[in-house]
C-alpha atoms as a PDB file:
ATOM      1  CA  MET A   1      -0.029  -0.007  -0.127  1.00  0.00           C
ATOM      2  CA  LEU A   2       1.348   3.503  -1.040  1.00  0.00           C
ATOM      3  CA  THR A   3       1.619   6.396   1.744  1.00  0.00           C
ATOM      4  CA  TYR A   4       2.276   9.962   1.321  1.00  0.00           C
ATOM      5  CA  SER A   5       5.171  12.345   2.680  1.00  0.00           C
ATOM      6  CA  ALA A   6       5.046  16.186   2.861  1.00  0.00           C
ATOM      7  CA  ILE A   7       8.188  17.625   3.637  1.00  0.00           C
ATOM      8  CA  THR A   8       9.446  21.268   3.975  1.00  0.00           C
ATOM      9  CA  LYS A   9      12.181  23.304   5.414  1.00  0.00           C
ATOM     10  CA  VAL A  10      11.410  26.415   7.884  1.00  0.00           C
ATOM     11  CA  LYS A  11      13.980  28.758   8.779  1.00  0.00           C
ATOM     12  CA  ASP A  12      13.318  28.923  12.613  1.00  0.00           C
ATOM     13  CA  ARG A  13      12.252  26.529  15.636  1.00  0.00           C
ATOM     14  CA  GLY A  14       9.249  28.313  16.527  1.00  0.00           C
ATOM     15  CA  ARG A  15       7.689  28.395  12.978  1.00  0.00           C
ATOM     16  CA  ALA A  16       8.649  24.685  12.585  1.00  0.00           C
ATOM     17  CA  GLU A  17       7.056  23.401  15.595  1.00  0.00           C
ATOM     18  CA  GLY A  18       3.726  25.521  14.927  1.00  0.00           C
ATOM     19  CA  LEU A  19       3.659  24.176  11.548  1.00  0.00           C
ATOM     20  CA  GLY A  20       4.058  20.425  13.135  1.00  0.00           C
ATOM     21  CA  VAL A  21       1.131  21.467  15.410  1.00  0.00           C
ATOM     22  CA  ALA A  22      -1.023  22.588  12.550  1.00  0.00           C
ATOM     23  CA  LEU A  23      -0.343  19.731  10.434  1.00  0.00           C
ATOM     24  CA  GLU A  24      -1.371  17.434  13.182  1.00  0.00           C
ATOM     25  CA  LYS A  25      -5.118  19.059  13.048  1.00  0.00           C
ATOM     26  CA  LEU A  26      -5.408  18.700   9.251  1.00  0.00           C
ATOM     27  CA  ASN A  27      -8.525  16.521   8.363  1.00  0.00           C
ATOM     28  CA  PRO A  28      -7.773  13.649   7.715  1.00  0.00           C
ATOM     29  CA  PRO A  29      -4.859  13.896  10.183  1.00  0.00           C
ATOM     30  CA  PRO A  30      -1.562  12.482   9.319  1.00  0.00           C
ATOM     31  CA  MET A  31      -0.315   9.310  10.727  1.00  0.00           C
ATOM     32  CA  GLY A  32       2.836  11.146  11.999  1.00  0.00           C
ATOM     33  CA  VAL A  33       4.658  14.276  11.985  1.00  0.00           C
ATOM     34  CA  GLY A  34       8.360  15.134  12.736  1.00  0.00           C
ATOM     35  CA  VAL A  35      10.053  18.163  13.367  1.00  0.00           C
ATOM     36  CA  PHE A  36      13.882  18.191  13.140  1.00  0.00           C
ATOM     37  CA  GLU A  37      16.846  20.660  13.042  1.00  0.00           C
ATOM     38  CA  LEU A  38      19.094  20.177  10.040  1.00  0.00           C
ATOM     39  CA  GLU A  39      22.481  19.136  11.019  1.00  0.00           C
ATOM     40  CA  ASP A  40      24.218  21.419   8.404  1.00  0.00           C
ATOM     41  CA  SER A  41      24.643  24.371  10.572  1.00  0.00           C
ATOM     42  CA  SER A  42      22.223  26.362   8.464  1.00  0.00           C
ATOM     43  CA  GLY A  43      19.556  26.823  11.528  1.00  0.00           C
ATOM     44  CA  GLU A  44      16.946  25.458   9.521  1.00  0.00           C
ATOM     45  CA  TRP A  45      14.180  23.037  10.622  1.00  0.00           C
ATOM     46  CA  GLU A  46      12.755  20.188   8.502  1.00  0.00           C
ATOM     47  CA  VAL A  47       9.140  19.424   9.008  1.00  0.00           C
ATOM     48  CA  GLY A  48       7.670  16.368   7.521  1.00  0.00           C
ATOM     49  CA  ALA A  49       4.063  14.696   7.688  1.00  0.00           C
ATOM     50  CA  TYR A  50       2.949  11.221   6.650  1.00  0.00           C
ATOM     51  CA  PHE A  51      -0.372  10.429   5.053  1.00  0.00           C
ATOM     52  CA  TYR A  52      -2.274   7.043   4.218  1.00  0.00           C
ATOM     53  CA  ASP A  53      -3.790   8.962   1.371  1.00  0.00           C
ATOM     54  CA  LYS A  54      -2.410  11.949  -0.608  1.00  0.00           C
ATOM     55  CA  PRO A  55      -2.870  15.199   1.205  1.00  0.00           C
ATOM     56  CA  ASP A  56      -5.189  18.026   0.306  1.00  0.00           C
ATOM     57  CA  GLU A  57      -2.542  20.195  -1.687  1.00  0.00           C
ATOM     58  CA  ILE A  58      -4.573  23.375  -1.046  1.00  0.00           C
ATOM     59  CA  SER A  59      -4.591  22.833   2.766  1.00  0.00           C
ATOM     60  CA  ILE A  60      -0.821  22.075   2.575  1.00  0.00           C
ATOM     61  CA  LEU A  61      -0.270  25.478   0.538  1.00  0.00           C
ATOM     62  CA  ILE A  62      -2.058  27.511   2.949  1.00  0.00           C
ATOM     63  CA  LEU A  63      -0.016  26.261   5.913  1.00  0.00           C
ATOM     64  CA  GLN A  64       3.027  26.620   3.992  1.00  0.00           C
ATOM     65  CA  ASN A  65       2.181  30.324   3.484  1.00  0.00           C
ATOM     66  CA  ALA A  66       0.826  30.959   6.977  1.00  0.00           C
ATOM     67  CA  PHE A  67       4.247  29.571   8.529  1.00  0.00           C
ATOM     68  CA  GLU A  68       6.643  30.962   5.767  1.00  0.00           C
ATOM     69  CA  ALA A  69       7.964  27.606   4.815  1.00  0.00           C
ATOM     70  CA  ALA A  70       9.490  26.590   1.523  1.00  0.00           C
ATOM     71  CA  GLY A  71       7.424  24.524  -0.710  1.00  0.00           C
ATOM     72  CA  PHE A  72       6.474  21.214   0.638  1.00  0.00           C
ATOM     73  CA  ALA A  73       7.724  18.127  -1.452  1.00  0.00           C
ATOM     74  CA  ILE A  74       4.770  15.701  -1.662  1.00  0.00           C
ATOM     75  CA  SER A  75       6.085  12.352  -2.602  1.00  0.00           C
ATOM     76  CA  GLU A  76       4.614   8.485  -2.739  1.00  0.00           C
ATOM     77  CA  ILE A  77       6.377   6.146  -0.343  1.00  0.00           C
ATOM     78  CA  PRO A  78       6.546   2.371  -1.748  1.00  0.00           C
ATOM     79  CA  GLU A  79       4.931  -0.225   0.604  1.00  0.00           C
ATOM     80  CA  THR A  80       7.937  -1.471   3.010  1.00  0.00           C
ATOM     81  CA  ASP A  81       8.707  -4.720   4.854  1.00  0.00           C
ATOM     82  CA  TRP A  82       8.716  -2.720   8.315  1.00  0.00           C
ATOM     83  CA  VAL A  83       9.036  -5.877  10.114  1.00  0.00           C
ATOM     84  CA  ALA A  84      12.384  -6.735   8.263  1.00  0.00           C
ATOM     85  CA  LYS A  85      13.646  -3.093   8.494  1.00  0.00           C
ATOM     86  CA  VAL A  86      12.984  -3.021  12.353  1.00  0.00           C
ATOM     87  CA  LYS A  87      14.842  -6.271  12.829  1.00  0.00           C
ATOM     88  CA  ARG A  88      17.775  -4.774  10.397  1.00  0.00           C
ATOM     89  CA  GLU A  89      18.175  -1.399  12.124  1.00  0.00           C
ATOM     90  CA  LEU A  90      16.792  -1.679  15.915  1.00  0.00           C
ATOM     91  CA  SER A  91      19.296  -2.869  18.409  1.00  0.00           C
ATOM     92  CA  PRO A  92      18.238  -3.552  22.017  1.00  0.00           C
ATOM     93  CA  VAL A  93      17.703  -0.636  24.574  1.00  0.00           C
ATOM     94  CA  GLU A  94      18.566  -0.594  28.202  1.00  0.00           C
ATOM     95  CA  ALA A  95      16.585   1.811  30.478  1.00  0.00           C
ATOM     96  CA  GLY A  96      17.616   1.259  34.097  1.00  0.00           C
ATOM     97  CA  ARG A  97      16.432  -2.308  35.101  1.00  0.00           C
ATOM     98  CA  PHE A  98      14.692  -2.525  32.047  1.00  0.00           C
ATOM     99  CA  PHE A  99      15.705  -4.393  28.603  1.00  0.00           C
ATOM    100  CA  VAL A 100      13.736  -3.612  25.388  1.00  0.00           C
ATOM    101  CA  PHE A 101      14.443  -6.203  22.618  1.00  0.00           C
ATOM    102  CA  GLY A 102      12.851  -7.794  19.475  1.00  0.00           C
ATOM    103  CA  GLN A 103      12.914 -11.673  19.143  1.00  0.00           C
ATOM    104  CA  HIS A 104      15.852 -11.579  17.069  1.00  0.00           C
ATOM    105  CA  ASP A 105      17.672 -10.318  19.883  1.00  0.00           C
ATOM    106  CA  SER A 106      16.400 -12.456  22.571  1.00  0.00           C
ATOM    107  CA  LYS A 107      19.791 -14.197  23.546  1.00  0.00           C
ATOM    108  CA  LYS A 108      21.193 -10.914  24.375  1.00  0.00           C
ATOM    109  CA  LEU A 109      18.755 -10.246  27.344  1.00  0.00           C
ATOM    110  CA  PRO A 110      20.968  -9.905  30.537  1.00  0.00           C
ATOM    111  CA  LYS A 111      20.089 -12.167  33.466  1.00  0.00           C
ATOM    112  CA  ASP A 112      19.950  -9.192  35.686  1.00  0.00           C
ATOM    113  CA  LYS A 113      17.451  -7.166  33.507  1.00  0.00           C
ATOM    114  CA  VAL A 114      13.688  -7.268  33.244  1.00  0.00           C
ATOM    115  CA  GLY A 115      12.952  -8.119  29.472  1.00  0.00           C
ATOM    116  CA  LEU A 116      10.197  -6.569  27.502  1.00  0.00           C
ATOM    117  CA  LEU A 117       9.825  -8.302  24.209  1.00  0.00           C
ATOM    118  CA  ILE A 118       8.668  -5.891  21.428  1.00  0.00           C
ATOM    119  CA  GLU A 119       7.698  -7.473  18.297  1.00  0.00           C
ATOM    120  CA  ALA A 120       8.545  -5.584  15.119  1.00  0.00           C
ATOM    121  CA  SER A 121       5.773  -3.174  14.094  1.00  0.00           C
ATOM    122  CA  MET A 122       5.151   0.268  12.902  1.00  0.00           C
ATOM    123  CA  ALA A 123       3.760   1.071  16.322  1.00  0.00           C
ATOM    124  CA  PHE A 124       5.458   3.777  18.439  1.00  0.00           C
ATOM    125  CA  GLY A 125       7.264   2.719  21.513  1.00  0.00           C
ATOM    126  CA  THR A 126      10.208   0.549  20.638  1.00  0.00           C
ATOM    127  CA  GLY A 127      12.280   2.024  23.437  1.00  0.00           C
ATOM    128  CA  HIS A 128      14.601   3.805  21.131  1.00  0.00           C
ATOM    129  CA  HIS A 129      12.824   7.046  21.126  1.00  0.00           C
ATOM    130  CA  GLY A 130      13.947   9.041  23.932  1.00  0.00           C
ATOM    131  CA  THR A 131      10.428   9.652  25.082  1.00  0.00           C
ATOM    132  CA  THR A 132       9.818   5.977  25.640  1.00  0.00           C
ATOM    133  CA  LYS A 133      13.363   5.550  27.368  1.00  0.00           C
ATOM    134  CA  GLY A 134      12.603   8.641  29.475  1.00  0.00           C
ATOM    135  CA  CYS A 135       9.433   6.929  30.697  1.00  0.00           C
ATOM    136  CA  LEU A 136      11.135   3.534  31.308  1.00  0.00           C
ATOM    137  CA  LEU A 137      13.815   5.398  33.467  1.00  0.00           C
ATOM    138  CA  ALA A 138      11.325   7.573  35.262  1.00  0.00           C
ATOM    139  CA  LEU A 139       9.516   4.126  36.150  1.00  0.00           C
ATOM    140  CA  ASP A 140      12.655   2.736  37.296  1.00  0.00           C
ATOM    141  CA  LYS A 141      13.249   5.507  39.645  1.00  0.00           C
ATOM    142  CA  LEU A 142       9.881   5.410  41.298  1.00  0.00           C
ATOM    143  CA  ILE A 143      10.150   1.320  41.718  1.00  0.00           C
ATOM    144  CA  ALA A 144      13.789   2.069  43.260  1.00  0.00           C
ATOM    145  CA  LYS A 145      12.285   4.401  45.852  1.00  0.00           C
ATOM    146  CA  GLY A 146       9.780   1.866  46.893  1.00  0.00           C
ATOM    147  CA  LYS A 147       6.572   3.791  45.850  1.00  0.00           C
ATOM    148  CA  LYS A 148       3.297   1.878  46.191  1.00  0.00           C
ATOM    149  CA  ILE A 149       1.707   1.340  42.810  1.00  0.00           C
ATOM    150  CA  ASP A 150      -1.229  -0.569  42.809  1.00  0.00           C
ATOM    151  CA  ASP A 151      -3.549   0.969  39.782  1.00  0.00           C
ATOM    152  CA  VAL A 152      -1.957   1.961  36.650  1.00  0.00           C
ATOM    153  CA  ILE A 153      -3.050   3.028  33.240  1.00  0.00           C
ATOM    154  CA  ASP A 154      -1.363   3.764  30.091  1.00  0.00           C
ATOM    155  CA  ILE A 155      -2.890   6.316  28.002  1.00  0.00           C
ATOM    156  CA  GLY A 156      -1.690   6.249  24.238  1.00  0.00           C
ATOM    157  CA  CYS A 157      -0.011   3.088  24.926  1.00  0.00           C
ATOM    158  CA  GLY A 158       1.255   2.600  21.456  1.00  0.00           C
ATOM    159  CA  THR A 159       3.210  -0.717  21.815  1.00  0.00           C
ATOM    160  CA  ALA A 160       2.352  -1.245  25.830  1.00  0.00           C
ATOM    161  CA  VAL A 161       5.646  -1.283  26.750  1.00  0.00           C
ATOM    162  CA  LEU A 162       5.554   0.936  29.727  1.00  0.00           C
ATOM    163  CA  ALA A 163       2.315  -0.918  30.612  1.00  0.00           C
ATOM    164  CA  MET A 164       4.241  -4.118  30.509  1.00  0.00           C
ATOM    165  CA  ALA A 165       7.239  -2.619  32.296  1.00  0.00           C
ATOM    166  CA  VAL A 166       5.153  -1.792  35.526  1.00  0.00           C
ATOM    167  CA  ALA A 167       3.232  -5.179  35.253  1.00  0.00           C
ATOM    168  CA  LYS A 168       6.564  -6.969  35.247  1.00  0.00           C
ATOM    169  CA  VAL A 169       7.960  -5.395  38.329  1.00  0.00           C
ATOM    170  CA  SER A 170       4.727  -5.051  40.422  1.00  0.00           C
ATOM    171  CA  SER A 171       1.414  -6.815  40.976  1.00  0.00           C
ATOM    172  CA  SER A 172      -0.284  -3.753  40.151  1.00  0.00           C
ATOM    173  CA  ARG A 173      -3.577  -3.526  38.120  1.00  0.00           C
ATOM    174  CA  VAL A 174      -2.815  -2.258  34.823  1.00  0.00           C
ATOM    175  CA  ILE A 175      -5.022  -0.908  32.122  1.00  0.00           C
ATOM    176  CA  ALA A 176      -3.754   0.550  28.800  1.00  0.00           C
ATOM    177  CA  SER A 177      -5.663   2.437  26.138  1.00  0.00           C
ATOM    178  CA  ASP A 178      -4.820   4.077  22.589  1.00  0.00           C
ATOM    179  CA  VAL A 179      -6.871   5.862  20.267  1.00  0.00           C
ATOM    180  CA  ASP A 180      -5.817   3.856  17.421  1.00  0.00           C
ATOM    181  CA  GLN A 181      -7.116   0.542  16.875  1.00  0.00           C
ATOM    182  CA  VAL A 182      -3.642  -0.605  14.985  1.00  0.00           C
ATOM    183  CA  ALA A 183      -1.828   0.295  18.062  1.00  0.00           C
ATOM    184  CA  VAL A 184      -4.123  -1.720  20.478  1.00  0.00           C
ATOM    185  CA  GLU A 185      -3.686  -4.663  18.169  1.00  0.00           C
ATOM    186  CA  VAL A 186       0.139  -4.398  18.222  1.00  0.00           C
ATOM    187  CA  ALA A 187      -0.050  -3.911  22.177  1.00  0.00           C
ATOM    188  CA  LEU A 188      -2.324  -7.123  22.329  1.00  0.00           C
ATOM    189  CA  ALA A 189       0.129  -8.955  20.446  1.00  0.00           C
ATOM    190  CA  ASN A 190       2.994  -7.971  22.627  1.00  0.00           C
ATOM    191  CA  LEU A 191       0.939  -8.631  25.787  1.00  0.00           C
ATOM    192  CA  LYS A 192       0.820 -12.144  24.341  1.00  0.00           C
ATOM    193  CA  ALA A 193       4.404 -12.540  23.486  1.00  0.00           C
ATOM    194  CA  ASN A 194       5.261 -11.377  27.263  1.00  0.00           C
ATOM    195  CA  LYS A 195       2.635 -13.455  28.693  1.00  0.00           C
ATOM    196  CA  LEU A 196       0.835 -10.658  30.251  1.00  0.00           C
ATOM    197  CA  GLU A 197      -2.339 -10.825  28.513  1.00  0.00           C
ATOM    198  CA  ASN A 198      -4.065 -11.947  31.588  1.00  0.00           C
ATOM    199  CA  ARG A 199      -2.416  -9.079  33.768  1.00  0.00           C
ATOM    200  CA  ILE A 200      -3.133  -6.019  31.539  1.00  0.00           C
ATOM    201  CA  THR A 201      -6.545  -4.799  29.966  1.00  0.00           C
ATOM    202  CA  CYS A 202      -6.037  -3.321  26.678  1.00  0.00           C
ATOM    203  CA  PHE A 203      -8.531  -1.289  24.401  1.00  0.00           C
ATOM    204  CA  GLN A 204      -9.378   1.348  22.073  1.00  0.00           C
ATOM    205  CA  ALA A 205     -10.418   4.762  23.838  1.00  0.00           C
ATOM    206  CA  MET A 206     -10.166   8.456  23.582  1.00  0.00           C
ATOM    207  CA  GLY A 207      -8.278   9.915  26.511  1.00  0.00           C
ATOM    208  CA  PHE A 208     -10.158   9.405  29.536  1.00  0.00           C
ATOM    209  CA  GLU A 209     -13.467   9.185  28.220  1.00  0.00           C
ATOM    210  CA  ASP A 210     -14.313   5.404  28.788  1.00  0.00           C
ATOM    211  CA  THR A 211     -16.395   3.574  31.212  1.00  0.00           C
ATOM    212  CA  GLN A 212     -13.514   0.894  31.925  1.00  0.00           C
ATOM    213  CA  ILE A 213     -11.027   3.924  32.368  1.00  0.00           C
ATOM    214  CA  LYS A 214     -13.418   5.553  34.944  1.00  0.00           C
ATOM    215  CA  SER A 215     -14.603   2.463  36.714  1.00  0.00           C
ATOM    216  CA  ASN A 216     -10.939   1.630  37.554  1.00  0.00           C
ATOM    217  CA  ALA A 217      -9.967   5.191  38.666  1.00  0.00           C
ATOM    218  CA  PRO A 218      -8.231   6.538  40.723  1.00  0.00           C
ATOM    219  CA  PHE A 219      -4.762   5.591  39.747  1.00  0.00           C
ATOM    220  CA  ASP A 220      -1.332   5.540  41.468  1.00  0.00           C
ATOM    221  CA  LEU A 221       0.358   5.923  38.494  1.00  0.00           C
ATOM    222  CA  ILE A 222      -0.693   7.466  34.941  1.00  0.00           C
ATOM    223  CA  PHE A 223       1.534   7.400  31.848  1.00  0.00           C
ATOM    224  CA  ALA A 224       0.893   9.523  29.114  1.00  0.00           C
ATOM    225  CA  ASN A 225       3.556   9.367  26.632  1.00  0.00           C
ATOM    226  CA  ILE A 226       1.902  11.383  23.553  1.00  0.00           C
ATOM    227  CA  LEU A 227       2.370  14.954  22.540  1.00  0.00           C
ATOM    228  CA  LYS A 228       2.124  18.523  23.721  1.00  0.00           C
ATOM    229  CA  PRO A 229      -1.565  19.365  22.303  1.00  0.00           C
ATOM    230  CA  PRO A 230      -3.167  16.154  23.831  1.00  0.00           C
ATOM    231  CA  LEU A 231      -1.017  16.390  26.886  1.00  0.00           C
ATOM    232  CA  ILE A 232      -2.152  19.882  27.702  1.00  0.00           C
ATOM    233  CA  ASP A 233      -6.009  19.005  26.995  1.00  0.00           C
ATOM    234  CA  LEU A 234      -5.619  15.901  29.279  1.00  0.00           C
ATOM    235  CA  ALA A 235      -3.912  17.852  32.249  1.00  0.00           C
ATOM    236  CA  PRO A 236      -7.302  18.274  34.060  1.00  0.00           C
ATOM    237  CA  CYS A 237      -8.173  14.660  33.681  1.00  0.00           C
ATOM    238  CA  ILE A 238      -4.882  13.438  34.843  1.00  0.00           C
ATOM    239  CA  ARG A 239      -5.307  15.326  37.948  1.00  0.00           C
ATOM    240  CA  ARG A 240      -9.074  14.104  38.453  1.00  0.00           C
ATOM    241  CA  TYR A 241      -8.134  10.551  38.141  1.00  0.00           C
ATOM    242  CA  LEU A 242      -4.802  10.333  40.127  1.00  0.00           C
ATOM    243  CA  LYS A 243      -4.925   9.552  43.743  1.00  0.00           C
ATOM    244  CA  SER A 244      -3.773  12.278  45.946  1.00  0.00           C
ATOM    245  CA  SER A 245      -0.318  10.385  46.732  1.00  0.00           C
ATOM    246  CA  GLY A 246       0.088   9.168  43.130  1.00  0.00           C
ATOM    247  CA  HIS A 247       2.400   9.929  40.311  1.00  0.00           C
ATOM    248  CA  ALA A 248       1.807  10.808  36.469  1.00  0.00           C
ATOM    249  CA  ILE A 249       4.740  10.433  33.929  1.00  0.00           C
ATOM    250  CA  ILE A 250       4.229  12.221  30.903  1.00  0.00           C
ATOM    251  CA  SER A 251       6.646  12.554  27.560  1.00  0.00           C
ATOM    252  CA  GLY A 252       6.169  13.533  24.141  1.00  0.00           C
ATOM    253  CA  ILE A 253       7.621  16.853  25.182  1.00  0.00           C
ATOM    254  CA  LEU A 254      10.378  19.016  23.455  1.00  0.00           C
ATOM    255  CA  ASP A 255      12.635  20.487  25.713  1.00  0.00           C
ATOM    256  CA  VAL A 256      11.545  23.934  24.363  1.00  0.00           C
ATOM    257  CA  GLN A 257       8.001  22.921  25.453  1.00  0.00           C
ATOM    258  CA  ALA A 258       8.758  21.787  28.994  1.00  0.00           C
ATOM    259  CA  LYS A 259       8.307  24.963  30.589  1.00  0.00           C
ATOM    260  CA  GLU A 260       4.756  25.683  29.017  1.00  0.00           C
ATOM    261  CA  ILE A 261       3.640  22.034  30.027  1.00  0.00           C
ATOM    262  CA  ILE A 262       5.016  22.259  33.641  1.00  0.00           C
ATOM    263  CA  LYS A 263       2.843  25.796  33.833  1.00  0.00           C
ATOM    264  CA  VAL A 264      -0.360  24.173  32.465  1.00  0.00           C
ATOM    265  CA  TYR A 265       0.200  21.214  34.875  1.00  0.00           C
ATOM    266  CA  ARG A 266       0.919  23.460  37.976  1.00  0.00           C
ATOM    267  CA  GLN A 267      -2.424  25.371  37.272  1.00  0.00           C
ATOM    268  CA  ASN A 268      -3.837  21.904  37.510  1.00  0.00           C
ATOM    269  CA  LYS A 269      -2.265  21.185  40.941  1.00  0.00           C
ATOM    270  CA  LEU A 270       0.368  18.616  39.765  1.00  0.00           C
ATOM    271  CA  GLU A 271       4.068  19.562  40.249  1.00  0.00           C
ATOM    272  CA  ALA A 272       7.366  18.237  38.265  1.00  0.00           C
ATOM    273  CA  LEU A 273       9.096  16.255  40.777  1.00  0.00           C
ATOM    274  CA  ASP A 274      11.613  14.903  38.179  1.00  0.00           C
ATOM    275  CA  ARG A 275      12.801  15.740  34.608  1.00  0.00           C
ATOM    276  CA  ILE A 276      14.768  13.324  32.502  1.00  0.00           C
ATOM    277  CA  TYR A 277      16.389  15.018  29.523  1.00  0.00           C
ATOM    278  CA  ILE A 278      17.198  12.517  26.354  1.00  0.00           C
ATOM    279  CA  ASP A 279      18.393  14.189  23.129  1.00  0.00           C
ATOM    280  CA  GLU A 280      15.888  16.964  22.576  1.00  0.00           C
ATOM    281  CA  TRP A 281      12.941  15.367  24.619  1.00  0.00           C
ATOM    282  CA  VAL A 282      12.001  15.707  28.243  1.00  0.00           C
ATOM    283  CA  THR A 283      10.100  13.110  30.537  1.00  0.00           C
ATOM    284  CA  LEU A 284       8.390  14.661  33.649  1.00  0.00           C
ATOM    285  CA  THR A 285       7.149  12.785  36.807  1.00  0.00           C
ATOM    286  CA  LEU A 286       4.337  14.672  38.367  1.00  0.00           C
ATOM    287  CA  ILE A 287       2.593  14.914  41.915  1.00  0.00           C
ATOM    288  CA  SER A 288       0.067  16.347  43.696  1.00  0.00           C
ATOM    289  CA  SER A 289       0.730  19.838  45.044  1.00  0.00           C
ATOM    290  CA  GLU A 290      -2.350  19.735  47.261  1.00  0.00           C
END
């Protein structure tokens, strides 16, 4: 199946990030958006979006002009054997006590690590991205401090790597959800591969608006490894459904966005207890300020 890319360059970070957010709001939305600084000392930023269907060129042109971007290059992307590609290119990842690996690297699992088997797929959350690794390291810190974790939810679970991590190191009741049914199917496959299908309940849901989520609330630990706009939207719900002694681990935040995110969560009575920086990404551990 063909997919499509729309890629452009922008001269400064602010407009690049604004364009990235605007692309996410297209209807139909892209399946992914990336904003990266070019490594050629030009100071320019590359903004790319990826679509299942060819994007509307008028909408793209409007955004191009609004953010003073260079002309978008819209291209067809031929079907790729992503499973083979992942197996070929992704190596295991260590994050504290956790070791994320594919089946092809199962013999590399150290005896003193908690193994998280992630089947090769296009779903987000292999552990290689700074946000996923940051969340695993934040969880590792909480576990090391002996924090009591009985009820957990992973919002926007992707591969379910975070839900599986907490399930493997505790007796917590864990639920996981994602807005994308494809991600849910990938997550369910990973639960089975890790023999956690009876420990974690995984289903499709938008944010906290699901009876299964509300009936399991409040939570000792909430994961939300998504993007800045939904993190802002979810701030009141994260506070509402978090136990007074609980923690929230959130990521998908660029370092330049951290100050704004921290301010929004402080307004919702949640303070940043810890920050983990990996590349250009920040992971925050939040606690109640009440």
